[in-house]
N, C-alpha and C. Protein backbone atom coordinates (compact mmCIF):
# COMPACT_ATOMS: atom_id res chain seq x y z
N MET A 1 -74.98 84.69 -137.45
CA MET A 1 -76.07 83.79 -137.30
C MET A 1 -76.97 83.54 -138.44
N THR A 2 -77.31 82.31 -139.00
CA THR A 2 -78.08 82.25 -140.16
C THR A 2 -79.47 82.39 -139.48
N ASN A 3 -80.47 83.26 -140.44
CA ASN A 3 -81.84 83.03 -139.93
C ASN A 3 -82.42 82.00 -140.30
N ALA A 4 -83.58 81.55 -139.53
CA ALA A 4 -84.35 80.27 -139.99
C ALA A 4 -84.99 80.36 -141.38
N TYR A 5 -85.68 81.71 -141.70
CA TYR A 5 -86.07 81.78 -143.00
C TYR A 5 -85.71 83.31 -143.56
N SER A 6 -86.13 83.34 -144.86
CA SER A 6 -85.74 84.69 -145.44
C SER A 6 -86.31 85.66 -144.96
N GLU A 7 -85.61 87.00 -144.93
CA GLU A 7 -86.33 88.37 -144.74
C GLU A 7 -87.44 88.62 -145.58
N LEU A 8 -87.35 87.92 -146.32
CA LEU A 8 -88.53 88.51 -147.29
C LEU A 8 -89.84 88.22 -146.50
N TYR A 9 -89.82 87.15 -145.94
CA TYR A 9 -91.18 86.61 -145.30
C TYR A 9 -91.31 87.28 -143.68
N LEU A 10 -90.33 88.08 -143.42
CA LEU A 10 -90.32 88.54 -142.00
C LEU A 10 -91.66 89.49 -141.80
N ASP A 11 -91.76 90.62 -142.70
CA ASP A 11 -92.87 91.32 -142.37
C ASP A 11 -94.10 90.50 -142.25
N ASP A 12 -94.36 89.63 -142.75
CA ASP A 12 -95.87 88.74 -142.76
C ASP A 12 -95.64 87.91 -141.33
N ALA A 13 -94.58 87.38 -141.13
CA ALA A 13 -94.36 86.59 -139.85
C ALA A 13 -94.71 87.53 -138.45
N MET A 14 -93.97 88.80 -138.66
CA MET A 14 -94.37 89.77 -137.48
C MET A 14 -95.63 90.18 -137.48
N ASN A 15 -96.42 90.70 -138.54
CA ASN A 15 -97.70 90.88 -138.60
C ASN A 15 -98.50 89.90 -138.14
N ASN A 16 -98.54 88.77 -138.63
CA ASN A 16 -99.47 87.43 -138.23
C ASN A 16 -99.22 87.38 -136.77
N LEU A 17 -97.99 87.39 -136.13
CA LEU A 17 -97.74 87.08 -134.83
C LEU A 17 -98.60 88.17 -134.05
N GLY A 18 -98.20 89.32 -134.56
CA GLY A 18 -99.04 90.41 -133.77
C GLY A 18 -100.34 90.41 -133.56
N ASP A 19 -101.09 89.94 -134.78
CA ASP A 19 -102.49 90.03 -135.07
C ASP A 19 -102.91 88.86 -134.30
N MET A 20 -102.16 87.64 -134.10
CA MET A 20 -102.66 86.50 -133.29
C MET A 20 -102.88 86.81 -131.82
N ILE A 21 -101.71 87.64 -131.26
CA ILE A 21 -101.74 88.06 -129.99
C ILE A 21 -102.67 88.98 -129.69
N GLU A 22 -102.96 89.97 -130.56
CA GLU A 22 -104.04 91.02 -130.32
C GLU A 22 -105.33 90.32 -130.36
N PHE A 23 -105.58 89.29 -131.32
CA PHE A 23 -107.04 88.78 -131.23
C PHE A 23 -107.46 87.67 -130.03
N ALA A 24 -106.14 86.94 -129.72
CA ALA A 24 -106.31 86.04 -128.61
C ALA A 24 -106.45 86.93 -127.39
N VAL A 25 -105.71 87.90 -127.15
CA VAL A 25 -105.71 88.80 -125.85
C VAL A 25 -107.22 89.61 -125.67
N CYS A 26 -107.17 90.54 -126.66
CA CYS A 26 -108.02 91.68 -126.74
C CYS A 26 -109.64 91.23 -127.24
N ASP A 27 -109.53 90.39 -128.16
CA ASP A 27 -111.08 89.83 -128.77
C ASP A 27 -111.51 88.66 -127.77
N LEU A 28 -110.82 87.82 -127.60
CA LEU A 28 -111.16 86.52 -126.56
C LEU A 28 -110.97 86.58 -125.27
N GLY A 29 -110.24 87.38 -125.23
CA GLY A 29 -109.95 87.58 -123.61
C GLY A 29 -109.11 86.52 -122.72
N PHE A 30 -108.12 85.89 -123.46
CA PHE A 30 -107.03 85.14 -122.98
C PHE A 30 -105.93 85.77 -122.39
N ASP A 31 -105.71 85.09 -121.21
CA ASP A 31 -104.40 85.41 -120.28
C ASP A 31 -103.18 85.24 -121.46
N PRO A 32 -102.47 86.47 -121.68
CA PRO A 32 -101.24 86.44 -122.54
C PRO A 32 -100.18 85.21 -122.30
N ASP A 33 -99.95 85.16 -121.34
CA ASP A 33 -98.90 84.13 -121.00
C ASP A 33 -99.43 82.68 -121.20
N GLU A 34 -100.75 82.51 -120.98
CA GLU A 34 -101.20 81.31 -121.09
C GLU A 34 -101.22 80.87 -122.37
N PHE A 35 -101.84 81.83 -123.06
CA PHE A 35 -102.21 81.69 -124.49
C PHE A 35 -100.80 81.37 -125.48
N PHE A 36 -99.65 82.07 -125.10
CA PHE A 36 -98.63 81.88 -125.58
C PHE A 36 -97.91 80.47 -125.18
N GLY A 37 -98.12 80.08 -124.16
CA GLY A 37 -97.95 78.74 -123.59
C GLY A 37 -98.73 77.65 -124.51
N TRP A 38 -99.81 77.99 -125.05
CA TRP A 38 -100.76 77.05 -125.94
C TRP A 38 -100.16 77.16 -127.33
N PHE A 39 -99.66 78.39 -127.69
CA PHE A 39 -98.98 78.63 -129.12
C PHE A 39 -97.76 77.52 -129.09
N ILE A 40 -96.83 77.32 -127.88
CA ILE A 40 -95.90 76.46 -128.03
C ILE A 40 -96.06 75.14 -127.83
N SER A 41 -97.02 74.70 -127.00
CA SER A 41 -97.33 73.33 -126.78
C SER A 41 -98.09 72.79 -127.99
N SER A 42 -98.85 73.93 -128.80
CA SER A 42 -99.87 73.09 -129.98
C SER A 42 -98.77 72.59 -130.90
N GLY A 43 -97.38 72.71 -130.87
CA GLY A 43 -96.57 72.50 -132.05
C GLY A 43 -96.38 73.22 -133.18
N ILE A 44 -97.28 74.49 -133.14
CA ILE A 44 -97.03 75.53 -134.11
C ILE A 44 -96.06 76.42 -134.09
N ALA A 45 -95.56 76.50 -132.84
CA ALA A 45 -94.49 77.52 -132.67
C ALA A 45 -93.29 77.04 -133.26
N PRO A 46 -92.85 75.72 -133.15
CA PRO A 46 -91.76 75.21 -133.69
C PRO A 46 -91.54 75.33 -135.34
N LYS A 47 -92.91 75.35 -135.96
CA LYS A 47 -93.02 75.44 -137.19
C LYS A 47 -92.95 76.88 -137.72
N PHE A 48 -93.44 77.70 -137.09
CA PHE A 48 -93.34 79.12 -137.27
C PHE A 48 -92.12 79.53 -137.29
N GLU A 49 -91.31 78.99 -136.16
CA GLU A 49 -89.80 79.56 -136.02
C GLU A 49 -89.04 78.79 -137.15
N LYS A 50 -89.27 77.93 -137.80
CA LYS A 50 -88.49 77.50 -138.98
C LYS A 50 -89.02 77.91 -140.38
N GLY A 51 -89.94 78.75 -140.21
CA GLY A 51 -90.57 79.59 -141.49
C GLY A 51 -91.25 78.72 -142.19
N ASN A 52 -92.09 77.72 -141.63
CA ASN A 52 -92.98 77.11 -142.43
C ASN A 52 -94.14 77.97 -143.19
N PRO A 53 -94.23 77.90 -144.57
CA PRO A 53 -95.06 79.07 -145.22
C PRO A 53 -96.58 79.13 -144.70
N ARG A 54 -96.87 77.95 -144.43
CA ARG A 54 -98.34 77.59 -144.01
C ARG A 54 -98.81 78.50 -142.95
N TYR A 55 -97.53 78.61 -141.67
CA TYR A 55 -97.86 79.64 -140.70
C TYR A 55 -97.56 81.10 -140.85
N ILE A 56 -96.38 81.15 -141.41
CA ILE A 56 -95.88 82.53 -141.56
C ILE A 56 -96.50 83.24 -142.46
N THR A 57 -96.95 82.72 -143.55
CA THR A 57 -97.64 83.42 -144.73
C THR A 57 -98.91 83.23 -145.05
N GLY A 58 -99.20 81.77 -144.81
CA GLY A 58 -100.58 81.23 -145.32
C GLY A 58 -101.56 81.46 -144.66
N MET A 59 -101.53 81.95 -143.39
CA MET A 59 -102.76 82.24 -142.52
C MET A 59 -102.61 83.49 -142.08
N SER A 60 -103.87 84.14 -141.76
CA SER A 60 -103.90 85.51 -141.21
C SER A 60 -103.65 85.20 -139.66
N GLY A 61 -103.35 86.16 -138.74
CA GLY A 61 -103.09 85.91 -137.39
C GLY A 61 -104.31 85.65 -136.75
N PHE A 62 -105.43 86.06 -137.22
CA PHE A 62 -106.94 85.51 -136.75
C PHE A 62 -106.87 83.85 -137.06
N GLU A 63 -106.46 83.34 -137.90
CA GLU A 63 -106.50 81.92 -138.28
C GLU A 63 -105.64 81.23 -137.47
N LEU A 64 -104.26 81.95 -137.08
CA LEU A 64 -103.08 81.23 -136.48
C LEU A 64 -103.78 81.00 -135.26
N ALA A 65 -104.26 82.18 -134.55
CA ALA A 65 -104.81 81.93 -133.20
C ALA A 65 -105.76 80.75 -133.32
N GLU A 66 -106.83 80.57 -134.07
CA GLU A 66 -107.77 79.68 -134.20
C GLU A 66 -107.04 78.14 -134.34
N ALA A 67 -106.16 78.10 -135.14
CA ALA A 67 -105.37 76.89 -135.30
C ALA A 67 -104.62 76.54 -133.77
N VAL A 68 -104.07 77.31 -133.14
CA VAL A 68 -103.53 77.03 -131.76
C VAL A 68 -104.61 76.64 -130.90
N LEU A 69 -105.65 77.22 -130.81
CA LEU A 69 -106.68 76.60 -129.84
C LEU A 69 -107.13 75.35 -130.44
N ALA A 70 -107.58 75.04 -131.75
CA ALA A 70 -107.82 73.67 -132.16
C ALA A 70 -106.91 72.69 -131.92
N GLU A 71 -105.46 72.85 -131.97
CA GLU A 71 -104.66 71.94 -131.56
C GLU A 71 -104.49 71.67 -130.26
N THR A 72 -104.91 72.60 -129.31
CA THR A 72 -104.77 72.48 -127.66
C THR A 72 -106.19 72.17 -127.22
N ASN A 73 -107.11 71.98 -127.92
CA ASN A 73 -108.51 71.59 -127.69
C ASN A 73 -109.14 72.70 -126.53
N VAL A 74 -108.61 73.74 -126.62
CA VAL A 74 -109.15 74.87 -125.76
C VAL A 74 -110.53 75.48 -126.42
N SER A 75 -111.65 75.40 -125.69
CA SER A 75 -112.96 75.70 -126.13
C SER A 75 -112.89 77.35 -125.96
N TYR A 76 -113.63 78.19 -126.99
CA TYR A 76 -114.01 79.62 -126.79
C TYR A 76 -114.88 79.94 -127.68
N GLU A 77 -115.43 81.00 -127.60
CA GLU A 77 -116.62 81.45 -128.24
C GLU A 77 -116.13 82.37 -129.35
N LYS A 78 -116.50 81.50 -130.51
CA LYS A 78 -116.03 81.97 -131.80
C LYS A 78 -116.63 83.65 -132.32
N ARG A 79 -115.61 84.27 -132.47
CA ARG A 79 -115.77 85.52 -133.00
C ARG A 79 -115.16 86.24 -134.02
N GLU A 80 -115.42 87.12 -134.81
CA GLU A 80 -114.53 87.90 -135.80
C GLU A 80 -113.68 88.92 -134.88
N PRO A 81 -112.54 88.90 -135.60
CA PRO A 81 -111.59 90.02 -135.01
C PRO A 81 -112.07 91.54 -135.02
N SER A 82 -111.92 92.29 -134.29
CA SER A 82 -112.31 93.47 -134.02
C SER A 82 -111.64 94.34 -134.96
N TYR A 83 -110.56 94.03 -135.70
CA TYR A 83 -109.92 94.89 -136.72
C TYR A 83 -109.81 96.42 -136.30
N VAL A 84 -109.18 96.73 -135.10
CA VAL A 84 -109.17 97.90 -134.75
C VAL A 84 -107.92 98.69 -135.63
N GLU A 85 -108.10 99.98 -135.83
CA GLU A 85 -107.27 100.69 -136.57
C GLU A 85 -106.01 100.97 -135.87
N PHE A 86 -106.03 101.20 -134.40
CA PHE A 86 -104.71 101.49 -133.73
C PHE A 86 -104.25 100.23 -133.24
N LYS A 87 -103.15 99.86 -133.50
CA LYS A 87 -102.35 98.79 -132.89
C LYS A 87 -101.64 98.97 -131.75
N GLY A 88 -102.23 98.30 -130.65
CA GLY A 88 -101.52 98.57 -129.30
C GLY A 88 -100.56 97.72 -128.82
N ARG A 89 -100.40 97.60 -127.69
CA ARG A 89 -98.89 96.96 -127.13
C ARG A 89 -99.42 95.40 -127.26
N GLU A 90 -100.77 94.84 -127.29
CA GLU A 90 -100.71 93.19 -127.65
C GLU A 90 -100.27 92.96 -128.94
N TYR A 91 -100.48 93.76 -130.09
CA TYR A 91 -99.96 93.41 -131.31
C TYR A 91 -98.54 93.95 -131.36
N TRP A 92 -98.20 94.74 -130.60
CA TRP A 92 -96.59 94.98 -130.80
C TRP A 92 -95.77 93.93 -130.19
N ALA A 93 -96.24 93.40 -129.08
CA ALA A 93 -95.72 92.24 -128.25
C ALA A 93 -95.44 91.14 -129.23
N GLY A 94 -96.61 90.75 -129.98
CA GLY A 94 -96.52 89.60 -130.92
C GLY A 94 -95.71 89.93 -131.99
N TRP A 95 -95.65 91.18 -132.52
CA TRP A 95 -94.79 91.70 -133.89
C TRP A 95 -93.31 91.64 -133.51
N ILE A 96 -92.91 92.20 -132.45
CA ILE A 96 -91.62 92.27 -131.67
C ILE A 96 -90.96 91.09 -131.39
N LEU A 97 -91.93 90.04 -130.82
CA LEU A 97 -91.24 88.79 -130.13
C LEU A 97 -91.00 87.63 -131.85
N ALA A 98 -91.83 88.24 -132.67
CA ALA A 98 -91.58 87.34 -134.08
C ALA A 98 -89.98 87.99 -134.53
N TYR A 99 -90.01 89.17 -134.43
CA TYR A 99 -88.58 89.47 -134.92
C TYR A 99 -87.46 89.09 -134.12
N TYR A 100 -87.69 89.18 -132.96
CA TYR A 100 -86.57 88.72 -131.93
C TYR A 100 -86.20 87.46 -132.33
N GLN A 101 -87.14 86.46 -132.26
CA GLN A 101 -86.99 85.12 -132.69
C GLN A 101 -86.16 84.81 -133.78
N TRP A 102 -86.54 85.49 -134.83
CA TRP A 102 -85.96 85.74 -136.23
C TRP A 102 -84.63 85.96 -136.24
N GLU A 103 -84.34 87.23 -135.41
CA GLU A 103 -83.06 87.74 -135.15
C GLU A 103 -81.91 87.01 -134.53
N THR A 104 -82.45 86.23 -133.42
CA THR A 104 -81.50 85.56 -132.59
C THR A 104 -81.39 83.88 -132.93
N GLY A 105 -82.67 83.56 -133.62
CA GLY A 105 -82.65 82.10 -133.81
C GLY A 105 -82.94 81.23 -132.49
N LYS A 106 -83.47 81.91 -131.44
CA LYS A 106 -83.85 81.01 -130.41
C LYS A 106 -85.30 80.57 -130.52
N ARG A 107 -85.57 79.40 -129.90
CA ARG A 107 -86.89 78.90 -130.05
C ARG A 107 -87.73 79.79 -129.08
N PHE A 108 -89.09 79.75 -129.49
CA PHE A 108 -89.94 80.82 -128.54
C PHE A 108 -89.94 80.08 -127.11
N GLU A 109 -90.09 78.70 -127.23
CA GLU A 109 -89.90 78.00 -125.81
C GLU A 109 -88.63 78.23 -124.86
N ASP A 110 -87.56 78.51 -125.50
CA ASP A 110 -86.23 79.05 -124.70
C ASP A 110 -86.57 80.52 -124.43
N ILE A 111 -87.13 81.44 -125.32
CA ILE A 111 -87.24 82.79 -125.01
C ILE A 111 -88.12 82.85 -123.63
N ILE A 112 -89.22 82.06 -123.59
CA ILE A 112 -89.95 82.29 -122.49
C ILE A 112 -89.43 81.53 -121.31
N LYS A 113 -88.66 80.71 -121.26
CA LYS A 113 -87.87 79.83 -120.07
C LYS A 113 -86.79 80.93 -119.84
N ASP A 114 -86.08 81.80 -120.44
CA ASP A 114 -85.32 82.70 -120.09
C ASP A 114 -85.83 84.11 -119.53
N GLY A 115 -87.06 84.05 -119.37
CA GLY A 115 -87.78 84.86 -118.55
C GLY A 115 -88.42 86.11 -119.41
N LEU A 116 -88.42 86.10 -120.75
CA LEU A 116 -88.96 87.01 -121.69
C LEU A 116 -90.50 86.64 -122.08
N LYS A 117 -91.37 86.59 -120.90
CA LYS A 117 -92.67 86.09 -121.15
C LYS A 117 -93.51 87.56 -122.01
N LEU A 118 -94.79 86.76 -122.44
CA LEU A 118 -95.30 87.77 -123.23
C LEU A 118 -95.80 89.03 -122.45
N SER A 119 -96.03 88.83 -121.07
CA SER A 119 -96.36 89.86 -120.34
C SER A 119 -95.29 90.84 -120.00
N THR A 120 -94.13 90.45 -119.99
CA THR A 120 -92.84 90.91 -119.66
C THR A 120 -92.56 91.82 -120.86
N VAL A 121 -92.94 91.23 -122.06
CA VAL A 121 -92.84 92.27 -123.39
C VAL A 121 -93.85 93.26 -123.24
N PHE A 122 -94.88 93.29 -122.97
CA PHE A 122 -96.07 94.35 -122.78
C PHE A 122 -95.51 95.42 -121.86
N SER A 123 -94.75 95.06 -120.73
CA SER A 123 -94.09 96.05 -120.11
C SER A 123 -93.05 96.86 -120.64
N MET A 124 -92.40 96.13 -121.77
CA MET A 124 -91.63 97.12 -122.51
C MET A 124 -92.12 97.84 -123.59
N TYR A 125 -93.42 98.13 -123.71
CA TYR A 125 -94.09 98.74 -124.85
C TYR A 125 -93.28 100.10 -124.96
N ILE A 126 -92.84 100.67 -124.09
CA ILE A 126 -92.20 102.02 -124.03
C ILE A 126 -91.20 102.24 -125.37
N LEU A 127 -90.74 100.76 -125.79
CA LEU A 127 -89.82 100.71 -126.81
C LEU A 127 -90.48 100.57 -128.30
N HIS A 128 -91.73 100.65 -128.38
CA HIS A 128 -92.65 100.48 -129.53
C HIS A 128 -92.28 101.52 -130.69
N GLU A 129 -91.83 102.46 -130.51
CA GLU A 129 -91.35 103.56 -131.37
C GLU A 129 -90.13 103.44 -131.71
N ALA A 130 -89.12 102.77 -131.03
CA ALA A 130 -87.89 102.45 -131.38
C ALA A 130 -87.41 101.58 -132.44
N ASP A 131 -86.27 101.62 -133.03
CA ASP A 131 -85.68 100.46 -133.79
C ASP A 131 -85.82 99.13 -133.05
N GLU A 132 -85.89 98.13 -133.91
CA GLU A 132 -86.10 96.77 -133.48
C GLU A 132 -84.85 96.34 -132.73
N SER A 133 -83.66 97.03 -133.13
CA SER A 133 -82.44 96.60 -132.41
C SER A 133 -82.47 96.89 -131.05
N LYS A 134 -83.08 97.97 -130.85
CA LYS A 134 -83.30 98.51 -129.29
C LYS A 134 -83.87 97.37 -128.41
N PHE A 135 -84.76 96.64 -128.98
CA PHE A 135 -85.56 95.77 -128.11
C PHE A 135 -84.77 94.77 -128.06
N VAL A 136 -84.20 94.06 -129.09
CA VAL A 136 -83.09 93.07 -129.03
C VAL A 136 -82.08 93.25 -127.97
N GLU A 137 -81.68 94.30 -127.93
CA GLU A 137 -80.48 94.85 -126.89
C GLU A 137 -81.18 94.64 -125.66
N ALA A 138 -82.32 95.19 -125.18
CA ALA A 138 -83.01 95.29 -123.98
C ALA A 138 -83.37 93.69 -123.65
N ALA A 139 -83.78 93.05 -124.45
CA ALA A 139 -84.23 91.71 -124.11
C ALA A 139 -82.90 90.84 -123.87
N ASN A 140 -81.96 90.96 -124.54
CA ASN A 140 -80.78 90.19 -124.44
C ASN A 140 -79.97 90.60 -123.08
N GLU A 141 -80.09 91.70 -122.73
CA GLU A 141 -79.77 92.08 -121.30
C GLU A 141 -80.66 91.44 -120.16
N MET A 142 -81.88 91.57 -120.53
CA MET A 142 -82.85 91.09 -119.25
C MET A 142 -82.46 89.55 -119.07
N ILE A 143 -82.32 88.81 -120.17
CA ILE A 143 -82.14 87.39 -120.36
C ILE A 143 -80.79 87.17 -119.55
N ALA A 144 -79.80 87.82 -119.91
CA ALA A 144 -78.51 87.76 -119.51
C ALA A 144 -78.72 87.99 -117.80
N ARG A 145 -79.29 88.92 -117.40
CA ARG A 145 -79.34 89.00 -115.88
C ARG A 145 -80.08 87.83 -115.25
N ASN A 146 -81.38 87.25 -116.05
CA ASN A 146 -82.03 86.35 -115.44
C ASN A 146 -81.28 84.96 -115.34
N LYS A 147 -80.31 84.91 -116.21
CA LYS A 147 -79.40 83.72 -116.28
C LYS A 147 -78.55 83.83 -115.09
N LYS A 148 -77.98 84.91 -114.96
CA LYS A 148 -76.96 85.26 -113.88
C LYS A 148 -77.76 84.74 -112.40
N ASN A 149 -78.89 85.28 -112.18
CA ASN A 149 -79.44 85.23 -110.91
C ASN A 149 -80.20 83.67 -110.71
N ARG A 150 -80.37 83.05 -111.91
CA ARG A 150 -81.01 81.70 -111.76
C ARG A 150 -80.17 80.64 -111.11
N LYS A 151 -80.43 80.00 -110.15
CA LYS A 151 -79.92 78.95 -109.65
C LYS A 151 -79.39 77.91 -110.65
N SER A 152 -78.27 77.29 -110.62
CA SER A 152 -77.93 76.26 -111.48
C SER A 152 -78.70 75.00 -111.41
N LYS A 153 -78.95 74.30 -112.59
CA LYS A 153 -79.44 72.97 -112.43
C LYS A 153 -78.99 72.00 -111.61
N LEU A 154 -77.35 72.10 -111.39
CA LEU A 154 -76.81 71.27 -110.41
C LEU A 154 -77.21 71.52 -108.91
N SER A 155 -77.22 72.81 -108.64
CA SER A 155 -77.63 73.38 -107.23
C SER A 155 -79.00 72.67 -107.05
N GLU A 156 -80.12 73.09 -108.12
CA GLU A 156 -81.24 72.45 -107.83
C GLU A 156 -81.60 71.16 -107.65
N ILE A 157 -80.86 70.36 -108.33
CA ILE A 157 -81.03 68.75 -108.40
C ILE A 157 -80.51 68.42 -106.90
N ARG A 158 -79.14 68.82 -106.43
CA ARG A 158 -78.55 68.54 -105.53
C ARG A 158 -79.25 68.95 -104.17
N LYS A 159 -80.14 69.86 -104.21
CA LYS A 159 -80.94 70.20 -102.84
C LYS A 159 -82.20 69.37 -102.90
N ALA A 160 -82.70 68.93 -104.25
CA ALA A 160 -83.86 68.09 -104.31
C ALA A 160 -83.50 66.91 -103.87
N ARG A 161 -82.25 66.35 -103.96
CA ARG A 161 -81.64 65.08 -103.58
C ARG A 161 -81.41 65.02 -101.96
N GLY A 162 -81.07 66.27 -101.55
CA GLY A 162 -80.97 66.20 -100.05
C GLY A 162 -79.49 66.38 -99.73
N PHE A 163 -78.75 66.32 -100.71
CA PHE A 163 -77.30 66.50 -100.45
C PHE A 163 -76.75 68.14 -100.15
N THR A 164 -75.54 67.82 -99.37
CA THR A 164 -74.86 69.09 -99.23
C THR A 164 -73.83 69.18 -100.41
N GLN A 165 -73.06 70.12 -100.44
CA GLN A 165 -71.95 70.04 -101.53
C GLN A 165 -71.05 69.18 -101.11
N GLN A 166 -70.72 69.15 -99.86
CA GLN A 166 -69.52 68.23 -99.21
C GLN A 166 -70.09 66.65 -99.81
N GLN A 167 -71.20 66.36 -99.44
CA GLN A 167 -71.59 64.93 -99.57
C GLN A 167 -71.75 64.76 -100.85
N LEU A 168 -71.94 65.79 -101.72
CA LEU A 168 -71.94 65.49 -103.21
C LEU A 168 -70.69 64.97 -103.80
N SER A 169 -69.64 65.74 -103.11
CA SER A 169 -68.38 65.81 -103.48
C SER A 169 -67.86 64.35 -103.10
N GLU A 170 -68.05 63.91 -101.94
CA GLU A 170 -67.72 62.52 -101.46
C GLU A 170 -68.30 61.39 -102.38
N ALA A 171 -69.71 61.67 -102.67
CA ALA A 171 -70.50 60.67 -103.39
C ALA A 171 -69.75 60.59 -104.74
N SER A 172 -69.32 61.68 -105.24
CA SER A 172 -69.22 61.70 -106.89
C SER A 172 -67.62 61.65 -107.14
N GLY A 173 -66.80 61.84 -106.23
CA GLY A 173 -65.41 62.14 -106.53
C GLY A 173 -64.90 63.24 -107.02
N VAL A 174 -66.00 64.47 -107.02
CA VAL A 174 -65.71 65.54 -107.77
C VAL A 174 -65.22 66.52 -106.59
N THR A 175 -64.23 67.21 -106.66
CA THR A 175 -63.65 68.29 -105.78
C THR A 175 -64.78 69.27 -105.37
N LEU A 176 -65.04 69.52 -104.00
CA LEU A 176 -65.91 70.45 -103.31
C LEU A 176 -65.57 71.63 -104.14
N ARG A 177 -64.47 72.09 -104.21
CA ARG A 177 -64.39 73.46 -104.91
C ARG A 177 -64.90 73.41 -106.40
N MET A 178 -64.87 72.50 -107.06
CA MET A 178 -65.19 72.40 -108.58
C MET A 178 -66.76 72.43 -108.38
N ILE A 179 -67.39 71.72 -107.68
CA ILE A 179 -69.08 71.75 -107.49
C ILE A 179 -69.39 73.23 -107.21
N GLN A 180 -68.61 73.77 -106.36
CA GLN A 180 -69.05 75.11 -105.86
C GLN A 180 -68.97 76.12 -107.24
N LEU A 181 -68.09 75.93 -108.08
CA LEU A 181 -67.60 76.65 -109.25
C LEU A 181 -68.79 76.54 -110.25
N TYR A 182 -69.30 75.26 -110.33
CA TYR A 182 -70.18 74.84 -111.34
C TYR A 182 -71.48 75.61 -110.85
N GLU A 183 -71.83 75.33 -109.60
CA GLU A 183 -73.12 76.07 -109.08
C GLU A 183 -73.11 77.47 -108.86
N GLN A 184 -72.03 78.14 -109.01
CA GLN A 184 -72.04 79.48 -109.18
C GLN A 184 -71.76 79.94 -110.57
N LYS A 185 -71.82 79.25 -111.30
CA LYS A 185 -71.90 79.50 -112.71
C LYS A 185 -70.48 80.23 -113.17
N GLN A 186 -69.47 79.87 -112.43
CA GLN A 186 -68.33 80.64 -112.85
C GLN A 186 -67.47 79.56 -113.34
N ASN A 187 -67.73 78.50 -113.67
CA ASN A 187 -67.28 77.48 -114.60
C ASN A 187 -68.55 76.78 -115.34
N ASP A 188 -68.32 76.78 -116.67
CA ASP A 188 -69.41 76.29 -117.25
C ASP A 188 -69.54 74.53 -117.15
N ILE A 189 -70.67 73.89 -116.76
CA ILE A 189 -70.78 72.68 -116.70
C ILE A 189 -70.69 71.90 -117.77
N SER A 190 -71.26 72.68 -118.99
CA SER A 190 -71.30 72.06 -120.16
C SER A 190 -69.86 71.93 -121.03
N LYS A 191 -69.08 72.67 -120.43
CA LYS A 191 -67.55 72.21 -121.01
C LYS A 191 -66.76 71.56 -119.98
N ALA A 192 -67.15 70.98 -118.95
CA ALA A 192 -66.56 70.13 -118.06
C ALA A 192 -66.16 68.64 -118.67
N GLN A 193 -65.35 67.99 -118.11
CA GLN A 193 -64.85 66.65 -118.59
C GLN A 193 -65.86 65.94 -118.38
N VAL A 194 -66.13 65.04 -119.56
CA VAL A 194 -67.46 64.01 -119.51
C VAL A 194 -67.49 63.17 -118.37
N THR A 195 -66.24 62.75 -117.78
CA THR A 195 -66.55 61.73 -116.69
C THR A 195 -66.95 62.54 -115.51
N VAL A 196 -66.47 63.88 -115.26
CA VAL A 196 -67.03 64.54 -114.25
C VAL A 196 -68.21 64.82 -113.98
N VAL A 197 -69.13 64.98 -115.19
CA VAL A 197 -70.57 65.24 -115.29
C VAL A 197 -71.18 63.71 -115.24
N ILE A 198 -70.64 62.62 -115.64
CA ILE A 198 -71.17 61.59 -115.77
C ILE A 198 -71.24 61.04 -114.29
N ASN A 199 -70.00 61.39 -113.32
CA ASN A 199 -69.85 60.96 -111.92
C ASN A 199 -71.13 61.76 -111.05
N LEU A 200 -71.24 63.15 -111.37
CA LEU A 200 -72.21 63.72 -110.85
C LEU A 200 -73.51 63.41 -111.03
N ALA A 201 -73.89 63.15 -112.17
CA ALA A 201 -75.26 62.47 -112.58
C ALA A 201 -75.37 61.32 -111.77
N LYS A 202 -74.50 60.28 -111.89
CA LYS A 202 -74.87 58.90 -111.03
C LYS A 202 -75.04 59.24 -109.42
N ALA A 203 -74.03 60.21 -109.12
CA ALA A 203 -74.25 60.14 -107.67
C ALA A 203 -75.78 60.99 -107.18
N LEU A 204 -76.24 61.67 -108.23
CA LEU A 204 -77.54 62.43 -107.81
C LEU A 204 -78.68 61.70 -108.49
N GLY A 205 -78.34 60.42 -109.44
CA GLY A 205 -79.32 59.73 -109.71
C GLY A 205 -80.25 60.51 -110.68
N CYS A 206 -79.58 61.14 -111.65
CA CYS A 206 -80.22 61.90 -112.67
C CYS A 206 -79.57 61.51 -114.14
N GLU A 207 -79.91 62.09 -115.01
CA GLU A 207 -79.33 62.14 -116.51
C GLU A 207 -78.32 63.13 -116.56
N VAL A 208 -77.18 62.97 -117.44
CA VAL A 208 -76.40 63.92 -117.63
C VAL A 208 -76.96 65.24 -118.35
N GLU A 209 -77.98 64.94 -119.14
CA GLU A 209 -78.93 66.28 -119.71
C GLU A 209 -79.29 67.00 -118.74
N ASP A 210 -79.81 66.36 -117.57
CA ASP A 210 -80.38 67.06 -116.75
C ASP A 210 -79.60 68.22 -115.96
N LEU A 211 -78.25 68.09 -115.94
CA LEU A 211 -77.09 68.89 -115.29
C LEU A 211 -76.84 70.11 -116.27
N ILE A 212 -76.95 69.98 -117.50
CA ILE A 212 -76.45 70.92 -118.50
C ILE A 212 -77.50 72.19 -118.50
N GLU A 213 -76.83 73.17 -118.47
CA GLU A 213 -77.48 74.57 -118.51
C GLU A 213 -77.89 74.92 -119.94
């Protein structure tokens, strides 16, 4: 996998994201998951992911946090960062998430959707003295379990529309067994024949993209 930006900038990116989280949570008192959601919705996260120099090296973590709050119009009491000598779990969580995103190439938004919330990373602080690869391994295993246990989009939309599997089969022309396999994720719906997915989408009154995992 090709990383989004050079490894030469990785240390800066990790330190800045760590400082951003530490400042936002410890100094400003924001909920970690809520603040990280603002980081994503601000539009800064995608730029950070792609290695935009302005965000990964051109700002301090403190300035990065202020930029997020400015872009999302969140009011807060301005203050200087505490600059504590000991870097705790808040700093580490941002630091290791920056590494994980760089290593995997995943978007921060998708990382969160897959269940690796900032508060979850806090709970993995036991790994803070281990090599970064140990966190990547543990995070990937956690995400894999989450995906396995999560209901398929087809199942969620079908139930929201009030269809049984049999009714959807009759309405779409797709066999009952095929629908069951897609919902159980034994078959990957993204690799299904185009006509199959189109027929399911038409029967459910949704877009094809809504059914793809």
